Amino acid sequence: MKLRIALLSLAAVLILAACGQKGLKESITLVNQDNEKVTFPSEKPVLFFFITGYT
């Protein structure tokens, strides 16, 4: 049963990935902890991390 669910999940991910677009048409803008806008370019791949802390 677990194998069947895993295979169905994998198939769903592959189908959704195939239906997506190859690249972004515009850049991504996020807001950092200081409420400043940070823009990530869409021309080349960018790696960014989200670090969250709940106190």
Protein backbone atom coordinates (compact mmCIF):
# COMPACT_ATOMS: atom_id res chain seq x y z
CA MET A 1 0.00 0.00 0.00
CA LYS A 2 2.83 2.41 0.85
CA LEU A 3 4.54 1.61 -2.44
CA ARG A 4 1.35 2.38 -4.34
CA ILE A 5 0.96 5.76 -2.62
CA ALA A 6 4.62 6.57 -3.27
CA LEU A 7 4.31 5.70 -6.96
CA LEU A 8 1.12 7.75 -7.34
CA SER A 9 2.76 10.71 -5.61
CA LEU A 10 5.81 10.44 -7.86
CA ALA A 11 3.60 10.27 -10.94
CA ALA A 12 1.66 13.35 -9.82
CA VAL A 13 4.88 15.31 -9.25
CA LEU A 14 6.23 14.33 -12.67
CA ILE A 15 2.99 15.31 -14.41
CA LEU A 16 2.85 18.68 -12.63
CA ALA A 17 6.52 19.34 -13.41
CA ALA A 18 5.96 18.55 -17.09
CA CYS A 19 3.06 21.02 -17.27
CA GLY A 20 5.08 23.90 -15.83
CA GLN A 21 6.95 26.58 -17.70
CA LYS A 22 10.69 26.41 -18.32
CA GLY A 23 11.57 29.77 -16.86
CA LEU A 24 10.21 32.80 -15.11
CA LYS A 25 9.20 35.80 -17.15
CA GLU A 26 9.84 38.30 -14.38
CA SER A 27 12.08 38.50 -11.34
CA ILE A 28 11.04 37.40 -7.85
CA THR A 29 10.80 40.07 -5.13
CA LEU A 30 10.70 39.13 -1.45
CA VAL A 31 10.77 41.16 1.76
CA ASN A 32 13.50 40.47 4.33
CA GLN A 33 13.34 40.81 8.12
CA ASP A 34 14.17 44.54 7.92
CA ASN A 35 11.18 45.11 5.61
CA GLU A 36 13.48 45.75 2.63
CA LYS A 37 12.67 44.38 -0.80
CA VAL A 38 15.13 41.83 -2.18
CA THR A 39 14.93 40.98 -5.88
CA PHE A 40 16.20 37.73 -7.38
CA PRO A 41 17.04 37.83 -11.10
CA SER A 42 15.33 35.41 -13.47
CA GLU A 43 18.09 35.25 -16.09
CA LYS A 44 20.22 32.69 -14.26
CA PRO A 45 19.59 30.14 -11.51
CA VAL A 46 19.67 31.52 -7.96
CA LEU A 47 19.82 29.55 -4.72
CA PHE A 48 18.24 31.17 -1.67
CA PHE A 49 17.38 29.90 1.78
CA PHE A 50 14.48 30.63 4.10
CA ILE A 51 15.52 30.59 7.73
CA THR A 52 12.65 30.98 10.12
CA GLY A 53 12.67 31.14 13.85
CA TYR A 54 9.75 30.98 16.19
CA THR A 55 10.38 32.15 19.72
